[in-house]
Amino acid sequence: MGICVIPAIIIVVLFLLNIQNLLKAISPVNRKVAPGQVWLIFIPLFNIVWQFILVDRIAESIEAEYAMRGLPMERKPTYNLGLAYCILGLLTWFPLVFLAQLIVGILYWVKTAEFRRNITAMPPYTDQESAIFNNL
């Protein structure tokens, strides 16, 4: 059993590092959740509810970052994929559902990593945008 648990924990840690780095790339004023709060997913039972909250706040953070920069963005990007991942996670006792969750989880990981790369590659905020931050 330990042979399966250790790689699974490593994968979850890498996944959460991706999410944490995405949130770090988003301006603090646009974050709906602090980057360090992704690790609350390791709290048993609490994580059942927290995963849904986290997915929602990540999507809202991405949307707010793009809006602040005046870039077009769909409403709550990554939310539907993240929600599907969470729901499938609740149903993993069915063997085929585990496979579906794995696929959706990989797609969510790729999508959030893509947003992290895009946001990190964006130019720094202009003086006008910085003034908005200072007035908040």
N, C-alpha and C. Protein backbone atom coordinates (compact mmCIF):
# COMPACT_ATOMS: atom_id res chain seq x y z
N MET A 1 0.82 -1.20 0.00
CA MET A 1 0.00 0.00 0.00
C MET A 1 0.86 1.26 0.00
N GLY A 2 1.96 1.23 0.75
CA GLY A 2 2.87 2.37 0.81
C GLY A 2 3.46 2.70 -0.54
N ILE A 3 3.57 1.68 -1.39
CA ILE A 3 4.13 1.89 -2.73
C ILE A 3 3.21 2.80 -3.54
N CYS A 4 1.93 2.73 -3.32
CA CYS A 4 0.96 3.58 -4.05
C CYS A 4 0.76 4.92 -3.36
N VAL A 5 0.83 4.95 -2.03
CA VAL A 5 0.53 6.17 -1.29
C VAL A 5 1.59 7.24 -1.49
N ILE A 6 2.85 6.86 -1.44
CA ILE A 6 3.93 7.85 -1.56
C ILE A 6 3.92 8.55 -2.92
N PRO A 7 3.82 7.82 -4.04
CA PRO A 7 3.73 8.54 -5.33
C PRO A 7 2.47 9.41 -5.42
N ALA A 8 1.37 8.96 -4.85
CA ALA A 8 0.14 9.76 -4.87
C ALA A 8 0.33 11.06 -4.11
N ILE A 9 0.98 11.01 -2.96
CA ILE A 9 1.23 12.22 -2.18
C ILE A 9 2.15 13.16 -2.94
N ILE A 10 3.17 12.61 -3.58
CA ILE A 10 4.09 13.44 -4.37
C ILE A 10 3.33 14.15 -5.50
N ILE A 11 2.45 13.42 -6.17
CA ILE A 11 1.67 14.03 -7.26
C ILE A 11 0.77 15.13 -6.73
N VAL A 12 0.12 14.89 -5.60
CA VAL A 12 -0.76 15.91 -5.01
C VAL A 12 0.06 17.14 -4.62
N VAL A 13 1.24 16.94 -4.05
CA VAL A 13 2.09 18.07 -3.66
C VAL A 13 2.49 18.88 -4.90
N LEU A 14 2.87 18.21 -5.98
CA LEU A 14 3.24 18.91 -7.22
C LEU A 14 2.03 19.67 -7.79
N PHE A 15 0.87 19.05 -7.74
CA PHE A 15 -0.36 19.70 -8.19
C PHE A 15 -0.63 20.96 -7.37
N LEU A 16 -0.52 20.85 -6.05
CA LEU A 16 -0.79 22.00 -5.18
C LEU A 16 0.27 23.09 -5.34
N LEU A 17 1.51 22.69 -5.61
CA LEU A 17 2.55 23.69 -5.89
C LEU A 17 2.20 24.48 -7.15
N ASN A 18 1.66 23.80 -8.15
CA ASN A 18 1.22 24.48 -9.37
C ASN A 18 0.14 25.51 -9.04
N ILE A 19 -0.84 25.11 -8.24
CA ILE A 19 -1.93 26.01 -7.86
C ILE A 19 -1.39 27.17 -7.03
N GLN A 20 -0.50 26.87 -6.08
CA GLN A 20 0.08 27.91 -5.25
C GLN A 20 0.85 28.91 -6.10
N ASN A 21 1.63 28.42 -7.06
CA ASN A 21 2.40 29.32 -7.92
C ASN A 21 1.49 30.15 -8.84
N LEU A 22 0.38 29.57 -9.26
CA LEU A 22 -0.61 30.34 -10.03
C LEU A 22 -1.12 31.50 -9.18
N LEU A 23 -1.49 31.22 -7.96
CA LEU A 23 -2.00 32.27 -7.08
C LEU A 23 -0.93 33.32 -6.76
N LYS A 24 0.31 32.89 -6.62
CA LYS A 24 1.40 33.85 -6.38
C LYS A 24 1.60 34.77 -7.59
N ALA A 25 1.34 34.25 -8.80
CA ALA A 25 1.50 35.05 -10.02
C ALA A 25 0.41 36.11 -10.14
N ILE A 26 -0.71 35.88 -9.49
CA ILE A 26 -1.82 36.83 -9.53
C ILE A 26 -1.56 37.92 -8.50
N SER A 27 -1.84 39.15 -8.88
CA SER A 27 -1.64 40.28 -7.98
C SER A 27 -2.42 40.05 -6.69
N PRO A 28 -1.82 40.39 -5.54
CA PRO A 28 -2.51 40.19 -4.25
C PRO A 28 -3.90 40.81 -4.20
N VAL A 29 -4.11 41.93 -4.87
CA VAL A 29 -5.42 42.58 -4.84
C VAL A 29 -6.47 41.75 -5.58
N ASN A 30 -6.05 40.92 -6.49
CA ASN A 30 -6.98 40.11 -7.28
C ASN A 30 -7.19 38.70 -6.72
N ARG A 31 -6.39 38.31 -5.76
CA ARG A 31 -6.51 36.96 -5.19
C ARG A 31 -7.74 36.86 -4.31
N LYS A 32 -8.48 35.79 -4.51
CA LYS A 32 -9.66 35.52 -3.67
C LYS A 32 -9.32 34.48 -2.61
N VAL A 33 -8.09 33.99 -2.64
CA VAL A 33 -7.59 33.03 -1.66
C VAL A 33 -6.07 33.19 -1.62
N ALA A 34 -5.50 33.09 -0.43
CA ALA A 34 -4.05 33.22 -0.28
C ALA A 34 -3.36 31.96 -0.82
N PRO A 35 -2.20 32.12 -1.45
CA PRO A 35 -1.50 30.97 -2.01
C PRO A 35 -1.26 29.84 -1.00
N GLY A 36 -0.93 30.18 0.22
CA GLY A 36 -0.64 29.16 1.23
C GLY A 36 -1.85 28.35 1.65
N GLN A 37 -3.04 28.85 1.36
CA GLN A 37 -4.25 28.14 1.77
C GLN A 37 -4.54 26.91 0.92
N VAL A 38 -3.82 26.73 -0.17
CA VAL A 38 -4.02 25.51 -0.97
C VAL A 38 -3.68 24.27 -0.15
N TRP A 39 -2.79 24.41 0.82
CA TRP A 39 -2.34 23.26 1.61
C TRP A 39 -3.38 22.78 2.61
N LEU A 40 -4.45 23.55 2.80
CA LEU A 40 -5.54 23.11 3.67
C LEU A 40 -6.22 21.87 3.11
N ILE A 41 -5.93 21.54 1.87
CA ILE A 41 -6.51 20.35 1.24
C ILE A 41 -6.07 19.07 1.95
N PHE A 42 -5.01 19.15 2.74
CA PHE A 42 -4.52 17.97 3.46
C PHE A 42 -5.25 17.74 4.79
N ILE A 43 -6.19 18.59 5.14
CA ILE A 43 -6.95 18.40 6.38
C ILE A 43 -8.11 17.45 6.08
N PRO A 44 -8.08 16.26 6.68
CA PRO A 44 -9.15 15.28 6.41
C PRO A 44 -10.54 15.83 6.74
N LEU A 45 -11.51 15.42 5.97
CA LEU A 45 -12.91 15.82 6.05
C LEU A 45 -13.12 17.28 5.65
N PHE A 46 -12.35 18.20 6.20
CA PHE A 46 -12.44 19.61 5.80
C PHE A 46 -12.18 19.74 4.31
N ASN A 47 -11.26 18.90 3.78
CA ASN A 47 -10.89 18.99 2.37
C ASN A 47 -12.05 18.68 1.43
N ILE A 48 -13.05 17.95 1.91
CA ILE A 48 -14.20 17.64 1.06
C ILE A 48 -14.91 18.92 0.65
N VAL A 49 -15.07 19.84 1.58
CA VAL A 49 -15.71 21.12 1.29
C VAL A 49 -14.70 22.12 0.71
N TRP A 50 -13.49 22.13 1.27
CA TRP A 50 -12.49 23.11 0.88
C TRP A 50 -12.15 23.02 -0.61
N GLN A 51 -12.11 21.82 -1.17
CA GLN A 51 -11.74 21.69 -2.58
C GLN A 51 -12.71 22.46 -3.49
N PHE A 52 -14.00 22.46 -3.15
CA PHE A 52 -14.98 23.20 -3.94
C PHE A 52 -14.79 24.71 -3.79
N ILE A 53 -14.52 25.15 -2.59
CA ILE A 53 -14.27 26.57 -2.33
C ILE A 53 -13.00 27.02 -3.06
N LEU A 54 -11.97 26.21 -2.97
CA LEU A 54 -10.69 26.54 -3.60
C LEU A 54 -10.83 26.67 -5.12
N VAL A 55 -11.51 25.73 -5.74
CA VAL A 55 -11.72 25.77 -7.20
C VAL A 55 -12.44 27.06 -7.60
N ASP A 56 -13.46 27.42 -6.82
CA ASP A 56 -14.22 28.64 -7.11
C ASP A 56 -13.33 29.88 -6.97
N ARG A 57 -12.57 29.95 -5.90
CA ARG A 57 -11.74 31.14 -5.66
C ARG A 57 -10.57 31.25 -6.64
N ILE A 58 -10.06 30.13 -7.09
CA ILE A 58 -9.00 30.16 -8.10
C ILE A 58 -9.55 30.77 -9.39
N ALA A 59 -10.73 30.29 -9.80
CA ALA A 59 -11.35 30.80 -11.03
C ALA A 59 -11.65 32.29 -10.91
N GLU A 60 -12.16 32.72 -9.75
CA GLU A 60 -12.44 34.15 -9.54
C GLU A 60 -11.16 34.98 -9.55
N SER A 61 -10.09 34.44 -9.02
CA SER A 61 -8.80 35.15 -8.99
C SER A 61 -8.26 35.36 -10.39
N ILE A 62 -8.33 34.32 -11.21
CA ILE A 62 -7.86 34.43 -12.60
C ILE A 62 -8.70 35.47 -13.33
N GLU A 63 -10.01 35.38 -13.18
CA GLU A 63 -10.91 36.33 -13.84
C GLU A 63 -10.60 37.77 -13.41
N ALA A 64 -10.39 37.99 -12.12
CA ALA A 64 -10.10 39.33 -11.61
C ALA A 64 -8.76 39.85 -12.15
N GLU A 65 -7.77 38.98 -12.25
CA GLU A 65 -6.46 39.40 -12.77
C GLU A 65 -6.58 39.87 -14.22
N TYR A 66 -7.27 39.09 -15.02
CA TYR A 66 -7.44 39.47 -16.42
C TYR A 66 -8.28 40.75 -16.55
N ALA A 67 -9.31 40.88 -15.72
CA ALA A 67 -10.15 42.08 -15.76
C ALA A 67 -9.33 43.32 -15.39
N MET A 68 -8.50 43.21 -14.37
CA MET A 68 -7.67 44.34 -13.93
C MET A 68 -6.72 44.78 -15.04
N ARG A 69 -6.30 43.83 -15.84
CA ARG A 69 -5.38 44.15 -16.93
C ARG A 69 -6.12 44.53 -18.22
N GLY A 70 -7.45 44.50 -18.16
CA GLY A 70 -8.24 44.86 -19.33
C GLY A 70 -8.19 43.83 -20.44
N LEU A 71 -7.92 42.59 -20.07
CA LEU A 71 -7.83 41.51 -21.06
C LEU A 71 -9.13 40.72 -21.07
N PRO A 72 -9.56 40.28 -22.24
CA PRO A 72 -10.80 39.50 -22.30
C PRO A 72 -10.63 38.15 -21.62
N MET A 73 -11.66 37.74 -20.90
CA MET A 73 -11.60 36.46 -20.20
C MET A 73 -13.01 35.96 -20.00
N GLU A 74 -13.19 34.67 -20.18
CA GLU A 74 -14.49 34.07 -19.91
C GLU A 74 -14.81 34.15 -18.42
N ARG A 75 -16.04 34.01 -18.07
CA ARG A 75 -16.48 34.04 -16.68
C ARG A 75 -15.96 32.81 -15.95
N LYS A 76 -15.23 33.05 -14.86
CA LYS A 76 -14.70 31.99 -14.00
C LYS A 76 -14.00 30.86 -14.78
N PRO A 77 -12.92 31.21 -15.47
CA PRO A 77 -12.21 30.17 -16.22
C PRO A 77 -11.69 29.10 -15.25
N THR A 78 -11.59 27.93 -15.66
CA THR A 78 -11.13 26.75 -14.90
C THR A 78 -12.18 26.23 -13.94
N TYR A 79 -13.27 26.97 -13.70
CA TYR A 79 -14.24 26.55 -12.69
C TYR A 79 -14.93 25.25 -13.05
N ASN A 80 -15.46 25.14 -14.26
CA ASN A 80 -16.20 23.93 -14.64
C ASN A 80 -15.33 22.69 -14.60
N LEU A 81 -14.11 22.82 -15.08
CA LEU A 81 -13.18 21.69 -15.06
C LEU A 81 -12.83 21.32 -13.61
N GLY A 82 -12.56 22.32 -12.79
CA GLY A 82 -12.25 22.06 -11.39
C GLY A 82 -13.42 21.47 -10.64
N LEU A 83 -14.62 21.95 -10.93
CA LEU A 83 -15.82 21.42 -10.29
C LEU A 83 -16.02 19.96 -10.66
N ALA A 84 -15.84 19.64 -11.93
CA ALA A 84 -15.95 18.24 -12.38
C ALA A 84 -14.95 17.36 -11.65
N TYR A 85 -13.72 17.86 -11.50
CA TYR A 85 -12.68 17.11 -10.78
C TYR A 85 -13.11 16.83 -9.34
N CYS A 86 -13.65 17.84 -8.67
CA CYS A 86 -14.09 17.67 -7.27
C CYS A 86 -15.23 16.67 -7.15
N ILE A 87 -16.20 16.77 -8.03
CA ILE A 87 -17.35 15.87 -7.99
C ILE A 87 -16.91 14.44 -8.28
N LEU A 88 -16.06 14.26 -9.27
CA LEU A 88 -15.57 12.92 -9.57
C LEU A 88 -14.77 12.35 -8.41
N GLY A 89 -14.08 13.24 -7.69
CA GLY A 89 -13.32 12.78 -6.53
C GLY A 89 -14.20 12.21 -5.44
N LEU A 90 -15.42 12.70 -5.34
CA LEU A 90 -16.36 12.18 -4.35
C LEU A 90 -16.92 10.82 -4.77
N LEU A 91 -16.77 10.48 -6.04
CA LEU A 91 -17.34 9.23 -6.56
C LEU A 91 -16.28 8.19 -6.92
N THR A 92 -15.08 8.34 -6.41
CA THR A 92 -13.97 7.47 -6.84
C THR A 92 -14.10 6.01 -6.43
N TRP A 93 -15.09 5.66 -5.64
CA TRP A 93 -15.22 4.25 -5.29
C TRP A 93 -15.68 3.42 -6.48
N PHE A 94 -16.14 4.07 -7.54
CA PHE A 94 -16.46 3.38 -8.78
C PHE A 94 -15.20 3.40 -9.64
N PRO A 95 -14.71 2.22 -10.07
CA PRO A 95 -13.42 2.16 -10.79
C PRO A 95 -13.32 3.08 -12.01
N LEU A 96 -14.35 3.15 -12.84
CA LEU A 96 -14.25 4.00 -14.03
C LEU A 96 -14.28 5.47 -13.69
N VAL A 97 -14.87 5.81 -12.57
CA VAL A 97 -14.91 7.21 -12.14
C VAL A 97 -13.50 7.66 -11.77
N PHE A 98 -12.71 6.78 -11.17
CA PHE A 98 -11.33 7.13 -10.83
C PHE A 98 -10.56 7.51 -12.08
N LEU A 99 -10.73 6.73 -13.13
CA LEU A 99 -10.05 7.02 -14.39
C LEU A 99 -10.52 8.37 -14.95
N ALA A 100 -11.81 8.62 -14.89
CA ALA A 100 -12.34 9.91 -15.36
C ALA A 100 -11.78 11.06 -14.53
N GLN A 101 -11.72 10.87 -13.21
CA GLN A 101 -11.16 11.92 -12.34
C GLN A 101 -9.70 12.16 -12.67
N LEU A 102 -8.96 11.12 -12.93
CA LEU A 102 -7.55 11.27 -13.29
C LEU A 102 -7.40 12.10 -14.56
N ILE A 103 -8.21 11.80 -15.55
CA ILE A 103 -8.14 12.54 -16.82
C ILE A 103 -8.53 14.01 -16.62
N VAL A 104 -9.64 14.25 -15.91
CA VAL A 104 -10.09 15.61 -15.66
C VAL A 104 -9.07 16.35 -14.79
N GLY A 105 -8.48 15.66 -13.82
CA GLY A 105 -7.46 16.27 -12.97
C GLY A 105 -6.25 16.72 -13.77
N ILE A 106 -5.83 15.89 -14.70
CA ILE A 106 -4.70 16.26 -15.56
C ILE A 106 -5.06 17.48 -16.42
N LEU A 107 -6.27 17.48 -16.96
CA LEU A 107 -6.71 18.63 -17.78
C LEU A 107 -6.75 19.91 -16.94
N TYR A 108 -7.24 19.80 -15.70
CA TYR A 108 -7.30 20.96 -14.81
C TYR A 108 -5.89 21.45 -14.48
N TRP A 109 -4.99 20.54 -14.22
CA TRP A 109 -3.60 20.87 -13.92
C TRP A 109 -2.99 21.62 -15.10
N VAL A 110 -3.18 21.09 -16.31
CA VAL A 110 -2.63 21.72 -17.51
C VAL A 110 -3.22 23.12 -17.70
N LYS A 111 -4.53 23.25 -17.50
CA LYS A 111 -5.20 24.55 -17.69
C LYS A 111 -4.69 25.58 -16.68
N THR A 112 -4.57 25.19 -15.41
CA THR A 112 -4.09 26.14 -14.40
C THR A 112 -2.62 26.48 -14.64
N ALA A 113 -1.84 25.53 -15.09
CA ALA A 113 -0.43 25.81 -15.40
C ALA A 113 -0.32 26.78 -16.58
N GLU A 114 -1.22 26.63 -17.54
CA GLU A 114 -1.24 27.53 -18.69
C GLU A 114 -1.56 28.96 -18.24
N PHE A 115 -2.54 29.12 -17.36
CA PHE A 115 -2.85 30.45 -16.84
C PHE A 115 -1.68 31.01 -16.04
N ARG A 116 -1.00 30.17 -15.27
CA ARG A 116 0.16 30.63 -14.49
C ARG A 116 1.23 31.15 -15.44
N ARG A 117 1.52 30.39 -16.49
CA ARG A 117 2.54 30.83 -17.46
C ARG A 117 2.13 32.14 -18.15
N ASN A 118 0.86 32.23 -18.53
CA ASN A 118 0.38 33.44 -19.20
C ASN A 118 0.46 34.66 -18.29
N ILE A 119 0.04 34.51 -17.05
CA ILE A 119 0.06 35.64 -16.12
C ILE A 119 1.50 36.03 -15.78
N THR A 120 2.36 35.05 -15.60
CA THR A 120 3.77 35.33 -15.30
C THR A 120 4.44 36.06 -16.46
N ALA A 121 4.03 35.75 -17.69
CA ALA A 121 4.64 36.37 -18.87
C ALA A 121 4.09 37.77 -19.15
N MET A 122 3.02 38.16 -18.47
CA MET A 122 2.44 39.48 -18.70
C MET A 122 3.38 40.57 -18.22
N PRO A 123 3.35 41.73 -18.89
CA PRO A 123 4.21 42.83 -18.44
C PRO A 123 3.77 43.32 -17.07
N PRO A 124 4.67 43.99 -16.37
CA PRO A 124 4.29 44.54 -15.06
C PRO A 124 3.14 45.53 -15.22
N TYR A 125 2.47 45.79 -14.13
CA TYR A 125 1.37 46.74 -14.14
C TYR A 125 1.88 48.13 -14.52
N THR A 126 1.03 48.89 -15.22
CA THR A 126 1.35 50.27 -15.58
C THR A 126 1.25 51.14 -14.33
N ASP A 127 1.70 52.39 -14.45
CA ASP A 127 1.59 53.33 -13.33
C ASP A 127 0.14 53.54 -12.93
N GLN A 128 -0.74 53.57 -13.92
CA GLN A 128 -2.17 53.78 -13.64
C GLN A 128 -2.73 52.59 -12.86
N GLU A 129 -2.37 51.37 -13.27
CA GLU A 129 -2.85 50.18 -12.56
C GLU A 129 -2.26 50.12 -11.15
N SER A 130 -0.99 50.51 -11.00
CA SER A 130 -0.38 50.52 -9.67
C SER A 130 -1.07 51.53 -8.76
N ALA A 131 -1.51 52.66 -9.33
CA ALA A 131 -2.24 53.66 -8.55
C ALA A 131 -3.56 53.10 -8.05
N ILE A 132 -4.20 52.29 -8.87
CA ILE A 132 -5.46 51.64 -8.46
C ILE A 132 -5.20 50.74 -7.26
N PHE A 133 -4.10 49.97 -7.30
CA PHE A 133 -3.77 49.09 -6.19
C PHE A 133 -3.54 49.88 -4.91
N ASN A 134 -2.84 50.99 -5.04
CA ASN A 134 -2.51 51.79 -3.86
C ASN A 134 -3.75 52.42 -3.23
N ASN A 135 -4.78 52.66 -4.04
CA ASN A 135 -6.02 53.25 -3.52
C ASN A 135 -6.97 52.22 -2.93
N LEU A 136 -6.70 50.93 -3.10
CA LEU A 136 -7.59 49.90 -2.55
C LEU A 136 -7.34 49.65 -1.10
